[in-house]
Amino acid sequence: MIQLTKAEEEIMQIIWEKEKCLVSDIIASLENPETPHSTISSVVRILEKKGFVNHKAYGRTYEYFPVISKEAYAQKGFKSWFASYFDSSPAQLASFFVNEKALKPKEIDELLQQLEQLKKK
C-alpha cells in the first residue's frame, strides 16, 4: 500500500471521520482553515488517483468518501514500520520496550498473561 504524505494523511483522517464530505467540509475541519480551496482539492484528487478515495458527483460538486478503511491503512502502515525497524520480530519489539523501560508494571503483567495464554494454545 502506498504511504501518504503528511498533508494527505491529515485530509484522509477528516474523510475517515466524516465518511462522506465535500472539499469545503474538509477545509472547515483543518487546523489551518486558510488553506486555499484549490490546494485541498488538488490533494483530494491525488488521494483519488492513489485509490484512497472516490467521489460522487452532484453537478459540479463532488462528495468524497473513503475506499480504504482507516484500519486497513493503519495495519499496512504498522506492518511496514514493524518490518523496517524490528525485522518483523515480535521479540525485538518487546526487547525494545523492555530496554526503554517504557512499560508500566500493570502493562507487563497484562503482557505476561497474554503470553501465557498464547503458550497454552
PDB file of N, CA and C in Angstrom:
ATOM      1  N   MET A   1       0.843  -1.179   0.000  1.00  0.00           N
ATOM      2  CA  MET A   1       0.000   0.000   0.000  1.00  0.00           C
ATOM      3  C   MET A   1       0.888   1.242   0.000  1.00  0.00           C
ATOM      4  N   ILE A   2       0.463   2.238  -0.695  1.00  0.00           N
ATOM      5  CA  ILE A   2       1.210   3.487  -0.825  1.00  0.00           C
ATOM      6  C   ILE A   2       1.152   4.269   0.487  1.00  0.00           C
ATOM      7  N   GLN A   3       2.312   4.802   0.899  1.00  0.00           N
ATOM      8  CA  GLN A   3       2.357   5.683   2.064  1.00  0.00           C
ATOM      9  C   GLN A   3       1.811   7.047   1.673  1.00  0.00           C
ATOM     10  N   LEU A   4       1.142   7.685   2.598  1.00  0.00           N
ATOM     11  CA  LEU A   4       0.605   9.024   2.369  1.00  0.00           C
ATOM     12  C   LEU A   4       1.560  10.076   2.904  1.00  0.00           C
ATOM     13  N   THR A   5       1.540  11.252   2.275  1.00  0.00           N
ATOM     14  CA  THR A   5       2.291  12.381   2.810  1.00  0.00           C
ATOM     15  C   THR A   5       1.556  12.886   4.048  1.00  0.00           C
ATOM     16  N   LYS A   6       2.188  13.771   4.783  1.00  0.00           N
ATOM     17  CA  LYS A   6       1.561  14.323   5.989  1.00  0.00           C
ATOM     18  C   LYS A   6       0.252  15.038   5.636  1.00  0.00           C
ATOM     19  N   ALA A   7       0.260  15.832   4.569  1.00  0.00           N
ATOM     20  CA  ALA A   7      -0.947  16.556   4.151  1.00  0.00           C
ATOM     21  C   ALA A   7      -2.047  15.589   3.717  1.00  0.00           C
ATOM     22  N   GLU A   8      -1.671  14.565   2.962  1.00  0.00           N
ATOM     23  CA  GLU A   8      -2.652  13.574   2.519  1.00  0.00           C
ATOM     24  C   GLU A   8      -3.254  12.837   3.707  1.00  0.00           C
ATOM     25  N   GLU A   9      -2.408  12.481   4.652  1.00  0.00           N
ATOM     26  CA  GLU A   9      -2.905  11.755   5.822  1.00  0.00           C
ATOM     27  C   GLU A   9      -3.829  12.634   6.664  1.00  0.00           C
ATOM     28  N   GLU A  10      -3.498  13.910   6.798  1.00  0.00           N
ATOM     29  CA  GLU A  10      -4.362  14.831   7.554  1.00  0.00           C
ATOM     30  C   GLU A  10      -5.747  14.906   6.905  1.00  0.00           C
ATOM     31  N   ILE A  11      -5.777  14.980   5.599  1.00  0.00           N
ATOM     32  CA  ILE A  11      -7.058  15.047   4.890  1.00  0.00           C
ATOM     33  C   ILE A  11      -7.788  13.707   4.971  1.00  0.00           C
ATOM     34  N   MET A  12      -7.064  12.601   4.861  1.00  0.00           N
ATOM     35  CA  MET A  12      -7.703  11.287   4.983  1.00  0.00           C
ATOM     36  C   MET A  12      -8.317  11.102   6.365  1.00  0.00           C
ATOM     37  N   GLN A  13      -7.648  11.589   7.407  1.00  0.00           N
ATOM     38  CA  GLN A  13      -8.210  11.485   8.761  1.00  0.00           C
ATOM     39  C   GLN A  13      -9.588  12.147   8.811  1.00  0.00           C
ATOM     40  N   ILE A  14      -9.718  13.290   8.166  1.00  0.00           N
ATOM     41  CA  ILE A  14     -11.004  14.004   8.139  1.00  0.00           C
ATOM     42  C   ILE A  14     -12.033  13.206   7.342  1.00  0.00           C
ATOM     43  N   ILE A  15     -11.633  12.703   6.188  1.00  0.00           N
ATOM     44  CA  ILE A  15     -12.565  11.933   5.355  1.00  0.00           C
ATOM     45  C   ILE A  15     -13.004  10.662   6.081  1.00  0.00           C
ATOM     46  N   TRP A  16     -12.076   9.978   6.751  1.00  0.00           N
ATOM     47  CA  TRP A  16     -12.454   8.785   7.520  1.00  0.00           C
ATOM     48  C   TRP A  16     -13.436   9.146   8.625  1.00  0.00           C
ATOM     49  N   GLU A  17     -13.177  10.253   9.301  1.00  0.00           N
ATOM     50  CA  GLU A  17     -14.054  10.661  10.403  1.00  0.00           C
ATOM     51  C   GLU A  17     -15.452  11.013   9.896  1.00  0.00           C
ATOM     52  N   LYS A  18     -15.526  11.753   8.802  1.00  0.00           N
ATOM     53  CA  LYS A  18     -16.817  12.221   8.295  1.00  0.00           C
ATOM     54  C   LYS A  18     -17.530  11.184   7.426  1.00  0.00           C
ATOM     55  N   GLU A  19     -16.793  10.247   6.875  1.00  0.00           N
ATOM     56  CA  GLU A  19     -17.288   9.194   5.991  1.00  0.00           C
ATOM     57  C   GLU A  19     -17.689   9.686   4.604  1.00  0.00           C
ATOM     58  N   LYS A  20     -18.305  10.850   4.498  1.00  0.00           N
ATOM     59  CA  LYS A  20     -18.614  11.493   3.221  1.00  0.00           C
ATOM     60  C   LYS A  20     -18.452  12.986   3.442  1.00  0.00           C
ATOM     61  N   CYS A  21     -17.805  13.667   2.500  1.00  0.00           N
ATOM     62  CA  CYS A  21     -17.650  15.112   2.690  1.00  0.00           C
ATOM     63  C   CYS A  21     -17.283  15.824   1.397  1.00  0.00           C
ATOM     64  N   LEU A  22     -17.533  17.112   1.407  1.00  0.00           N
ATOM     65  CA  LEU A  22     -17.145  17.996   0.322  1.00  0.00           C
ATOM     66  C   LEU A  22     -15.795  18.608   0.671  1.00  0.00           C
ATOM     67  N   VAL A  23     -15.136  19.200  -0.305  1.00  0.00           N
ATOM     68  CA  VAL A  23     -13.861  19.872  -0.035  1.00  0.00           C
ATOM     69  C   VAL A  23     -14.069  20.968   1.009  1.00  0.00           C
ATOM     70  N   SER A  24     -15.197  21.667   0.951  1.00  0.00           N
ATOM     71  CA  SER A  24     -15.469  22.728   1.935  1.00  0.00           C
ATOM     72  C   SER A  24     -15.579  22.165   3.352  1.00  0.00           C
ATOM     73  N   ASP A  25     -16.097  20.947   3.505  1.00  0.00           N
ATOM     74  CA  ASP A  25     -16.161  20.297   4.822  1.00  0.00           C
ATOM     75  C   ASP A  25     -14.756  19.989   5.335  1.00  0.00           C
ATOM     76  N   ILE A  26     -13.891  19.566   4.426  1.00  0.00           N
ATOM     77  CA  ILE A  26     -12.506  19.260   4.800  1.00  0.00           C
ATOM     78  C   ILE A  26     -11.817  20.528   5.275  1.00  0.00           C
ATOM     79  N   ILE A  27     -11.976  21.608   4.516  1.00  0.00           N
ATOM     80  CA  ILE A  27     -11.346  22.882   4.877  1.00  0.00           C
ATOM     81  C   ILE A  27     -11.813  23.333   6.252  1.00  0.00           C
ATOM     82  N   ALA A  28     -13.103  23.216   6.530  1.00  0.00           N
ATOM     83  CA  ALA A  28     -13.650  23.636   7.826  1.00  0.00           C
ATOM     84  C   ALA A  28     -13.080  22.817   8.980  1.00  0.00           C
ATOM     85  N   SER A  29     -12.637  21.599   8.703  1.00  0.00           N
ATOM     86  CA  SER A  29     -12.107  20.722   9.751  1.00  0.00           C
ATOM     87  C   SER A  29     -10.596  20.805   9.923  1.00  0.00           C
ATOM     88  N   LEU A  30      -9.916  21.505   9.038  1.00  0.00           N
ATOM     89  CA  LEU A  30      -8.458  21.601   9.109  1.00  0.00           C
ATOM     90  C   LEU A  30      -7.999  22.499  10.248  1.00  0.00           C
ATOM     91  N   GLU A  31      -6.789  22.222  10.748  1.00  0.00           N
ATOM     92  CA  GLU A  31      -6.189  23.079  11.770  1.00  0.00           C
ATOM     93  C   GLU A  31      -5.921  24.471  11.212  1.00  0.00           C
ATOM     94  N   ASN A  32      -5.592  24.548   9.924  1.00  0.00           N
ATOM     95  CA  ASN A  32      -5.332  25.822   9.261  1.00  0.00           C
ATOM     96  C   ASN A  32      -6.385  26.016   8.166  1.00  0.00           C
ATOM     97  N   PRO A  33      -7.574  26.554   8.532  1.00  0.00           N
ATOM     98  CA  PRO A  33      -8.651  26.673   7.544  1.00  0.00           C
ATOM     99  C   PRO A  33      -8.402  27.731   6.462  1.00  0.00           C
ATOM    100  N   GLU A  34      -7.261  28.426   6.523  1.00  0.00           N
ATOM    101  CA  GLU A  34      -6.938  29.410   5.488  1.00  0.00           C
ATOM    102  C   GLU A  34      -6.322  28.752   4.255  1.00  0.00           C
ATOM    103  N   THR A  35      -6.093  27.452   4.313  1.00  0.00           N
ATOM    104  CA  THR A  35      -5.528  26.742   3.165  1.00  0.00           C
ATOM    105  C   THR A  35      -6.467  26.920   1.973  1.00  0.00           C
ATOM    106  N   PRO A  36      -5.932  27.314   0.820  1.00  0.00           N
ATOM    107  CA  PRO A  36      -6.791  27.553  -0.350  1.00  0.00           C
ATOM    108  C   PRO A  36      -7.582  26.314  -0.779  1.00  0.00           C
ATOM    109  N   HIS A  37      -8.792  26.557  -1.227  1.00  0.00           N
ATOM    110  CA  HIS A  37      -9.679  25.501  -1.718  1.00  0.00           C
ATOM    111  C   HIS A  37      -8.985  24.685  -2.807  1.00  0.00           C
ATOM    112  N   SER A  38      -8.263  25.367  -3.693  1.00  0.00           N
ATOM    113  CA  SER A  38      -7.594  24.673  -4.805  1.00  0.00           C
ATOM    114  C   SER A  38      -6.526  23.699  -4.310  1.00  0.00           C
ATOM    115  N   THR A  39      -5.842  24.057  -3.225  1.00  0.00           N
ATOM    116  CA  THR A  39      -4.806  23.179  -2.660  1.00  0.00           C
ATOM    117  C   THR A  39      -5.434  21.902  -2.111  1.00  0.00           C
ATOM    118  N   ILE A  40      -6.494  22.064  -1.331  1.00  0.00           N
ATOM    119  CA  ILE A  40      -7.177  20.901  -0.744  1.00  0.00           C
ATOM    120  C   ILE A  40      -7.773  20.040  -1.853  1.00  0.00           C
ATOM    121  N   SER A  41      -8.372  20.687  -2.829  1.00  0.00           N
ATOM    122  CA  SER A  41      -8.956  19.963  -3.955  1.00  0.00           C
ATOM    123  C   SER A  41      -7.894  19.146  -4.692  1.00  0.00           C
ATOM    124  N   SER A  42      -6.719  19.719  -4.873  1.00  0.00           N
ATOM    125  CA  SER A  42      -5.615  19.002  -5.537  1.00  0.00           C
ATOM    126  C   SER A  42      -5.183  17.786  -4.736  1.00  0.00           C
ATOM    127  N   VAL A  43      -5.066  17.943  -3.421  1.00  0.00           N
ATOM    128  CA  VAL A  43      -4.656  16.819  -2.565  1.00  0.00           C
ATOM    129  C   VAL A  43      -5.709  15.712  -2.614  1.00  0.00           C
ATOM    130  N   VAL A  44      -6.976  16.091  -2.591  1.00  0.00           N
ATOM    131  CA  VAL A  44      -8.042  15.085  -2.643  1.00  0.00           C
ATOM    132  C   VAL A  44      -8.013  14.342  -3.981  1.00  0.00           C
ATOM    133  N   ARG A  45      -7.749  15.057  -5.066  1.00  0.00           N
ATOM    134  CA  ARG A  45      -7.642  14.385  -6.375  1.00  0.00           C
ATOM    135  C   ARG A  45      -6.455  13.416  -6.397  1.00  0.00           C
ATOM    136  N   ILE A  46      -5.355  13.797  -5.748  1.00  0.00           N
ATOM    137  CA  ILE A  46      -4.202  12.890  -5.642  1.00  0.00           C
ATOM    138  C   ILE A  46      -4.595  11.640  -4.855  1.00  0.00           C
ATOM    139  N   LEU A  47      -5.334  11.839  -3.757  1.00  0.00           N
ATOM    140  CA  LEU A  47      -5.806  10.697  -2.964  1.00  0.00           C
ATOM    141  C   LEU A  47      -6.698   9.783  -3.804  1.00  0.00           C
ATOM    142  N   GLU A  48      -7.475  10.393  -4.674  1.00  0.00           N
ATOM    143  CA  GLU A  48      -8.340   9.598  -5.550  1.00  0.00           C
ATOM    144  C   GLU A  48      -7.493   8.800  -6.549  1.00  0.00           C
ATOM    145  N   LYS A  49      -6.462   9.428  -7.114  1.00  0.00           N
ATOM    146  CA  LYS A  49      -5.570   8.719  -8.044  1.00  0.00           C
ATOM    147  C   LYS A  49      -4.841   7.575  -7.352  1.00  0.00           C
ATOM    148  N   LYS A  50      -4.517   7.759  -6.071  1.00  0.00           N
ATOM    149  CA  LYS A  50      -3.828   6.719  -5.305  1.00  0.00           C
ATOM    150  C   LYS A  50      -4.778   5.609  -4.861  1.00  0.00           C
ATOM    151  N   GLY A  51      -6.085   5.807  -5.062  1.00  0.00           N
ATOM    152  CA  GLY A  51      -7.056   4.779  -4.718  1.00  0.00           C
ATOM    153  C   GLY A  51      -7.571   4.826  -3.291  1.00  0.00           C
ATOM    154  N   PHE A  52      -7.346   5.932  -2.596  1.00  0.00           N
ATOM    155  CA  PHE A  52      -7.798   6.042  -1.211  1.00  0.00           C
ATOM    156  C   PHE A  52      -9.228   6.561  -1.100  1.00  0.00           C
ATOM    157  N   VAL A  53      -9.642   7.400  -2.040  1.00  0.00           N
ATOM    158  CA  VAL A  53     -10.998   7.952  -2.020  1.00  0.00           C
ATOM    159  C   VAL A  53     -11.622   7.829  -3.399  1.00  0.00           C
ATOM    160  N   ASN A  54     -12.924   7.977  -3.416  1.00  0.00           N
ATOM    161  CA  ASN A  54     -13.674   8.066  -4.655  1.00  0.00           C
ATOM    162  C   ASN A  54     -14.671   9.197  -4.468  1.00  0.00           C
ATOM    163  N   HIS A  55     -15.418   9.517  -5.504  1.00  0.00           N
ATOM    164  CA  HIS A  55     -16.373  10.609  -5.354  1.00  0.00           C
ATOM    165  C   HIS A  55     -17.686  10.294  -6.054  1.00  0.00           C
ATOM    166  N   LYS A  56     -18.689  11.031  -5.624  1.00  0.00           N
ATOM    167  CA  LYS A  56     -19.986  11.007  -6.276  1.00  0.00           C
ATOM    168  C   LYS A  56     -20.255  12.446  -6.697  1.00  0.00           C
ATOM    169  N   ALA A  57     -20.597  12.642  -7.956  1.00  0.00           N
ATOM    170  CA  ALA A  57     -20.808  13.991  -8.480  1.00  0.00           C
ATOM    171  C   ALA A  57     -22.272  14.402  -8.332  1.00  0.00           C
ATOM    172  N   TYR A  58     -22.451  15.628  -7.872  1.00  0.00           N
ATOM    173  CA  TYR A  58     -23.760  16.274  -7.819  1.00  0.00           C
ATOM    174  C   TYR A  58     -23.609  17.563  -8.616  1.00  0.00           C
ATOM    175  N   GLY A  59     -23.788  17.471  -9.918  1.00  0.00           N
ATOM    176  CA  GLY A  59     -23.499  18.618 -10.775  1.00  0.00           C
ATOM    177  C   GLY A  59     -22.001  18.852 -10.779  1.00  0.00           C
ATOM    178  N   ARG A  60     -21.590  20.063 -10.380  1.00  0.00           N
ATOM    179  CA  ARG A  60     -20.162  20.398 -10.324  1.00  0.00           C
ATOM    180  C   ARG A  60     -19.575  20.187  -8.931  1.00  0.00           C
ATOM    181  N   THR A  61     -20.389  19.699  -8.018  1.00  0.00           N
ATOM    182  CA  THR A  61     -19.934  19.457  -6.649  1.00  0.00           C
ATOM    183  C   THR A  61     -19.632  17.975  -6.476  1.00  0.00           C
ATOM    184  N   TYR A  62     -18.490  17.692  -5.854  1.00  0.00           N
ATOM    185  CA  TYR A  62     -18.093  16.307  -5.613  1.00  0.00           C
ATOM    186  C   TYR A  62     -18.137  16.001  -4.124  1.00  0.00           C
ATOM    187  N   GLU A  63     -18.765  14.870  -3.815  1.00  0.00           N
ATOM    188  CA  GLU A  63     -18.770  14.371  -2.447  1.00  0.00           C
ATOM    189  C   GLU A  63     -17.788  13.200  -2.409  1.00  0.00           C
ATOM    190  N   TYR A  64     -16.803  13.312  -1.528  1.00  0.00           N
ATOM    191  CA  TYR A  64     -15.745  12.298  -1.445  1.00  0.00           C
ATOM    192  C   TYR A  64     -16.019  11.322  -0.305  1.00  0.00           C
ATOM    193  N   PHE A  65     -15.603  10.089  -0.506  1.00  0.00           N
ATOM    194  CA  PHE A  65     -15.755   9.062   0.524  1.00  0.00           C
ATOM    195  C   PHE A  65     -14.552   8.123   0.456  1.00  0.00           C
ATOM    196  N   PRO A  66     -14.181   7.520   1.597  1.00  0.00           N
ATOM    197  CA  PRO A  66     -13.004   6.639   1.614  1.00  0.00           C
ATOM    198  C   PRO A  66     -13.276   5.313   0.910  1.00  0.00           C
ATOM    199  N   VAL A  67     -12.254   4.817   0.234  1.00  0.00           N
ATOM    200  CA  VAL A  67     -12.307   3.497  -0.393  1.00  0.00           C
ATOM    201  C   VAL A  67     -11.533   2.508   0.479  1.00  0.00           C
ATOM    202  N   ILE A  68     -10.470   2.993   1.102  1.00  0.00           N
ATOM    203  CA  ILE A  68      -9.645   2.188   2.004  1.00  0.00           C
ATOM    204  C   ILE A  68      -9.975   2.598   3.433  1.00  0.00           C
ATOM    205  N   SER A  69     -10.257   1.632   4.283  1.00  0.00           N
ATOM    206  CA  SER A  69     -10.601   1.951   5.671  1.00  0.00           C
ATOM    207  C   SER A  69      -9.371   2.419   6.444  1.00  0.00           C
ATOM    208  N   LYS A  70      -9.637   3.166   7.476  1.00  0.00           N
ATOM    209  CA  LYS A  70      -8.559   3.646   8.350  1.00  0.00           C
ATOM    210  C   LYS A  70      -7.813   2.460   8.959  1.00  0.00           C
ATOM    211  N   GLU A  71      -8.553   1.431   9.333  1.00  0.00           N
ATOM    212  CA  GLU A  71      -7.961   0.249   9.952  1.00  0.00           C
ATOM    213  C   GLU A  71      -7.027  -0.480   8.982  1.00  0.00           C
ATOM    214  N   ALA A  72      -7.457  -0.609   7.720  1.00  0.00           N
ATOM    215  CA  ALA A  72      -6.620  -1.285   6.718  1.00  0.00           C
ATOM    216  C   ALA A  72      -5.338  -0.498   6.478  1.00  0.00           C
ATOM    217  N   TYR A  73      -5.457   0.826   6.409  1.00  0.00           N
ATOM    218  CA  TYR A  73      -4.268   1.666   6.203  1.00  0.00           C
ATOM    219  C   TYR A  73      -3.331   1.560   7.407  1.00  0.00           C
ATOM    220  N   ALA A  74      -3.900   1.617   8.612  1.00  0.00           N
ATOM    221  CA  ALA A  74      -3.078   1.536   9.826  1.00  0.00           C
ATOM    222  C   ALA A  74      -2.371   0.184   9.906  1.00  0.00           C
ATOM    223  N   GLN A  75      -3.078  -0.877   9.576  1.00  0.00           N
ATOM    224  CA  GLN A  75      -2.483  -2.215   9.639  1.00  0.00           C
ATOM    225  C   GLN A  75      -1.318  -2.343   8.662  1.00  0.00           C
ATOM    226  N   LYS A  76      -1.498  -1.875   7.441  1.00  0.00           N
ATOM    227  CA  LYS A  76      -0.417  -1.939   6.446  1.00  0.00           C
ATOM    228  C   LYS A  76       0.755  -1.067   6.881  1.00  0.00           C
ATOM    229  N   GLY A  77       0.442   0.117   7.421  1.00  0.00           N
ATOM    230  CA  GLY A  77       1.495   1.017   7.882  1.00  0.00           C
ATOM    231  C   GLY A  77       2.278   0.418   9.031  1.00  0.00           C
ATOM    232  N   PHE A  78       1.571  -0.221   9.957  1.00  0.00           N
ATOM    233  CA  PHE A  78       2.247  -0.839  11.090  1.00  0.00           C
ATOM    234  C   PHE A  78       3.141  -1.981  10.627  1.00  0.00           C
ATOM    235  N   LYS A  79       2.628  -2.808   9.723  1.00  0.00           N
ATOM    236  CA  LYS A  79       3.429  -3.937   9.231  1.00  0.00           C
ATOM    237  C   LYS A  79       4.705  -3.451   8.554  1.00  0.00           C
ATOM    238  N   SER A  80       4.597  -2.371   7.802  1.00  0.00           N
ATOM    239  CA  SER A  80       5.770  -1.807   7.126  1.00  0.00           C
ATOM    240  C   SER A  80       6.761  -1.256   8.146  1.00  0.00           C
ATOM    241  N   TRP A  81       6.259  -0.516   9.115  1.00  0.00           N
ATOM    242  CA  TRP A  81       7.096   0.063  10.182  1.00  0.00           C
ATOM    243  C   TRP A  81       7.758  -1.058  10.988  1.00  0.00           C
ATOM    244  N   PHE A  82       6.969  -2.061  11.337  1.00  0.00           N
ATOM    245  CA  PHE A  82       7.446  -3.197  12.117  1.00  0.00           C
ATOM    246  C   PHE A  82       8.571  -3.923  11.381  1.00  0.00           C
ATOM    247  N   ALA A  83       8.392  -4.134  10.086  1.00  0.00           N
ATOM    248  CA  ALA A  83       9.420  -4.802   9.279  1.00  0.00           C
ATOM    249  C   ALA A  83      10.675  -3.946   9.176  1.00  0.00           C
ATOM    250  N   SER A  84      10.501  -2.640   9.019  1.00  0.00           N
ATOM    251  CA  SER A  84      11.652  -1.739   8.854  1.00  0.00           C
ATOM    252  C   SER A  84      12.495  -1.616  10.115  1.00  0.00           C
ATOM    253  N   TYR A  85      11.838  -1.504  11.264  1.00  0.00           N
ATOM    254  CA  TYR A  85      12.566  -1.221  12.496  1.00  0.00           C
ATOM    255  C   TYR A  85      12.885  -2.449  13.337  1.00  0.00           C
ATOM    256  N   PHE A  86      12.091  -3.501  13.186  1.00  0.00           N
ATOM    257  CA  PHE A  86      12.269  -4.672  14.053  1.00  0.00           C
ATOM    258  C   PHE A  86      12.379  -5.985  13.279  1.00  0.00           C
ATOM    259  N   ASP A  87      12.648  -5.910  11.993  1.00  0.00           N
ATOM    260  CA  ASP A  87      12.777  -7.104  11.144  1.00  0.00           C
ATOM    261  C   ASP A  87      11.591  -8.058  11.310  1.00  0.00           C
ATOM    262  N   SER A  88      10.422  -7.501  11.544  1.00  0.00           N
ATOM    263  CA  SER A  88       9.184  -8.275  11.746  1.00  0.00           C
ATOM    264  C   SER A  88       9.294  -9.256  12.907  1.00  0.00           C
ATOM    265  N   SER A  89      10.128  -8.939  13.881  1.00  0.00           N
ATOM    266  CA  SER A  89      10.346  -9.824  15.022  1.00  0.00           C
ATOM    267  C   SER A  89       9.637  -9.295  16.271  1.00  0.00           C
ATOM    268  N   PRO A  90       8.596 -10.002  16.749  1.00  0.00           N
ATOM    269  CA  PRO A  90       7.938  -9.585  17.981  1.00  0.00           C
ATOM    270  C   PRO A  90       8.909  -9.535  19.162  1.00  0.00           C
ATOM    271  N   ALA A  91       9.878 -10.437  19.182  1.00  0.00           N
ATOM    272  CA  ALA A  91      10.857 -10.455  20.279  1.00  0.00           C
ATOM    273  C   ALA A  91      11.691  -9.173  20.281  1.00  0.00           C
ATOM    274  N   GLN A  92      12.096  -8.704  19.108  1.00  0.00           N
ATOM    275  CA  GLN A  92      12.861  -7.454  19.041  1.00  0.00           C
ATOM    276  C   GLN A  92      12.017  -6.269  19.501  1.00  0.00           C
ATOM    277  N   LEU A  93      10.741  -6.266  19.133  1.00  0.00           N
ATOM    278  CA  LEU A  93       9.845  -5.192  19.560  1.00  0.00           C
ATOM    279  C   LEU A  93       9.695  -5.203  21.077  1.00  0.00           C
ATOM    280  N   ALA A  94       9.455  -6.374  21.647  1.00  0.00           N
ATOM    281  CA  ALA A  94       9.315  -6.492  23.101  1.00  0.00           C
ATOM    282  C   ALA A  94      10.602  -6.076  23.796  1.00  0.00           C
ATOM    283  N   SER A  95      11.724  -6.497  23.262  1.00  0.00           N
ATOM    284  CA  SER A  95      13.025  -6.141  23.829  1.00  0.00           C
ATOM    285  C   SER A  95      13.234  -4.629  23.818  1.00  0.00           C
ATOM    286  N   PHE A  96      12.797  -3.988  22.752  1.00  0.00           N
ATOM    287  CA  PHE A  96      12.903  -2.530  22.665  1.00  0.00           C
ATOM    288  C   PHE A  96      12.167  -1.875  23.828  1.00  0.00           C
ATOM    289  N   PHE A  97      10.919  -2.299  24.072  1.00  0.00           N
ATOM    290  CA  PHE A  97      10.136  -1.702  25.151  1.00  0.00           C
ATOM    291  C   PHE A  97      10.741  -1.991  26.517  1.00  0.00           C
ATOM    292  N   VAL A  98      11.274  -3.180  26.684  1.00  0.00           N
ATOM    293  CA  VAL A  98      11.922  -3.532  27.954  1.00  0.00           C
ATOM    294  C   VAL A  98      13.151  -2.657  28.171  1.00  0.00           C
ATOM    295  N   ASN A  99      13.993  -2.536  27.161  1.00  0.00           N
ATOM    296  CA  ASN A  99      15.218  -1.738  27.282  1.00  0.00           C
ATOM    297  C   ASN A  99      14.942  -0.253  27.479  1.00  0.00           C
ATOM    298  N   GLU A 100      13.851   0.228  26.927  1.00  0.00           N
ATOM    299  CA  GLU A 100      13.490   1.642  27.081  1.00  0.00           C
ATOM    300  C   GLU A 100      12.756   1.901  28.400  1.00  0.00           C
ATOM    301  N   LYS A 101      12.461   0.827  29.117  1.00  0.00           N
ATOM    302  CA  LYS A 101      11.683   0.921  30.359  1.00  0.00           C
ATOM    303  C   LYS A 101      10.378   1.693  30.119  1.00  0.00           C
ATOM    304  N   ALA A 102       9.758   1.386  28.990  1.00  0.00           N
ATOM    305  CA  ALA A 102       8.558   2.091  28.564  1.00  0.00           C
ATOM    306  C   ALA A 102       7.271   1.448  29.072  1.00  0.00           C
ATOM    307  N   LEU A 103       7.383   0.308  29.736  1.00  0.00           N
ATOM    308  CA  LEU A 103       6.200  -0.403  30.205  1.00  0.00           C
ATOM    309  C   LEU A 103       5.995  -0.207  31.695  1.00  0.00           C
ATOM    310  N   LYS A 104       4.740   0.009  32.054  1.00  0.00           N
ATOM    311  CA  LYS A 104       4.368   0.106  33.468  1.00  0.00           C
ATOM    312  C   LYS A 104       4.181  -1.312  34.005  1.00  0.00           C
ATOM    313  N   PRO A 105       4.322  -1.493  35.316  1.00  0.00           N
ATOM    314  CA  PRO A 105       4.163  -2.841  35.886  1.00  0.00           C
ATOM    315  C   PRO A 105       2.848  -3.520  35.490  1.00  0.00           C
ATOM    316  N   LYS A 106       1.761  -2.766  35.474  1.00  0.00           N
ATOM    317  CA  LYS A 106       0.470  -3.342  35.103  1.00  0.00           C
ATOM    318  C   LYS A 106       0.496  -3.828  33.648  1.00  0.00           C
ATOM    319  N   GLU A 107       1.135  -3.064  32.774  1.00  0.00           N
ATOM    320  CA  GLU A 107       1.236  -3.460  31.367  1.00  0.00           C
ATOM    321  C   GLU A 107       2.091  -4.714  31.212  1.00  0.00           C
ATOM    322  N   ILE A 108       3.143  -4.810  32.005  1.00  0.00           N
ATOM    323  CA  ILE A 108       3.998  -6.007  31.980  1.00  0.00           C
ATOM    324  C   ILE A 108       3.187  -7.229  32.393  1.00  0.00           C
ATOM    325  N   ASP A 109       2.398  -7.087  33.474  1.00  0.00           N
ATOM    326  CA  ASP A 109       1.556  -8.196  33.930  1.00  0.00           C
ATOM    327  C   ASP A 109       0.562  -8.622  32.847  1.00  0.00           C
ATOM    328  N   GLU A 110      -0.049  -7.643  32.183  1.00  0.00           N
ATOM    329  CA  GLU A 110      -1.009  -7.957  31.122  1.00  0.00           C
ATOM    330  C   GLU A 110      -0.332  -8.697  29.971  1.00  0.00           C
ATOM    331  N   LEU A 111       0.844  -8.241  29.587  1.00  0.00           N
ATOM    332  CA  LEU A 111       1.586  -8.913  28.517  1.00  0.00           C
ATOM    333  C   LEU A 111       1.977 -10.331  28.910  1.00  0.00           C
ATOM    334  N   LEU A 112       2.417 -10.501  30.154  1.00  0.00           N
ATOM    335  CA  LEU A 112       2.782 -11.840  30.623  1.00  0.00           C
ATOM    336  C   LEU A 112       1.585 -12.779  30.582  1.00  0.00           C
ATOM    337  N   GLN A 113       0.411 -12.272  30.985  1.00  0.00           N
ATOM    338  CA  GLN A 113      -0.806 -13.085  30.930  1.00  0.00           C
ATOM    339  C   GLN A 113      -1.124 -13.488  29.489  1.00  0.00           C
ATOM    340  N   GLN A 114      -1.016 -12.536  28.576  1.00  0.00           N
ATOM    341  CA  GLN A 114      -1.295 -12.828  27.171  1.00  0.00           C
ATOM    342  C   GLN A 114      -0.304 -13.844  26.609  1.00  0.00           C
ATOM    343  N   LEU A 115       0.952 -13.714  26.994  1.00  0.00           N
ATOM    344  CA  LEU A 115       1.968 -14.662  26.531  1.00  0.00           C
ATOM    345  C   LEU A 115       1.705 -16.057  27.086  1.00  0.00           C
ATOM    346  N   GLU A 116       1.300 -16.145  28.348  1.00  0.00           N
ATOM    347  CA  GLU A 116       0.979 -17.445  28.945  1.00  0.00           C
ATOM    348  C   GLU A 116      -0.203 -18.087  28.231  1.00  0.00           C
ATOM    349  N   GLN A 117      -1.221 -17.290  27.912  1.00  0.00           N
ATOM    350  CA  GLN A 117      -2.380 -17.822  27.188  1.00  0.00           C
ATOM    351  C   GLN A 117      -1.971 -18.304  25.799  1.00  0.00           C
ATOM    352  N   LEU A 118      -1.090 -17.555  25.154  1.00  0.00           N
ATOM    353  CA  LEU A 118      -0.610 -17.928  23.828  1.00  0.00           C
ATOM    354  C   LEU A 118       0.182 -19.235  23.882  1.00  0.00           C
ATOM    355  N   LYS A 119       0.947 -19.394  24.945  1.00  0.00           N
ATOM    356  CA  LYS A 119       1.764 -20.591  25.131  1.00  0.00           C
ATOM    357  C   LYS A 119       0.884 -21.841  25.262  1.00  0.00           C
ATOM    358  N   LYS A 120      -0.285 -21.689  25.894  1.00  0.00           N
ATOM    359  CA  LYS A 120      -1.189 -22.814  26.134  1.00  0.00           C
ATOM    360  C   LYS A 120      -1.904 -23.271  24.868  1.00  0.00           C
ATOM    361  N   LYS A 121      -1.948 -22.440  23.860  1.00  0.00           N
ATOM    362  CA  LYS A 121      -2.685 -22.784  22.629  1.00  0.00           C
ATOM    363  C   LYS A 121      -1.924 -23.728  21.757  1.00  0.00           C
TER     364      LYS A 121
END
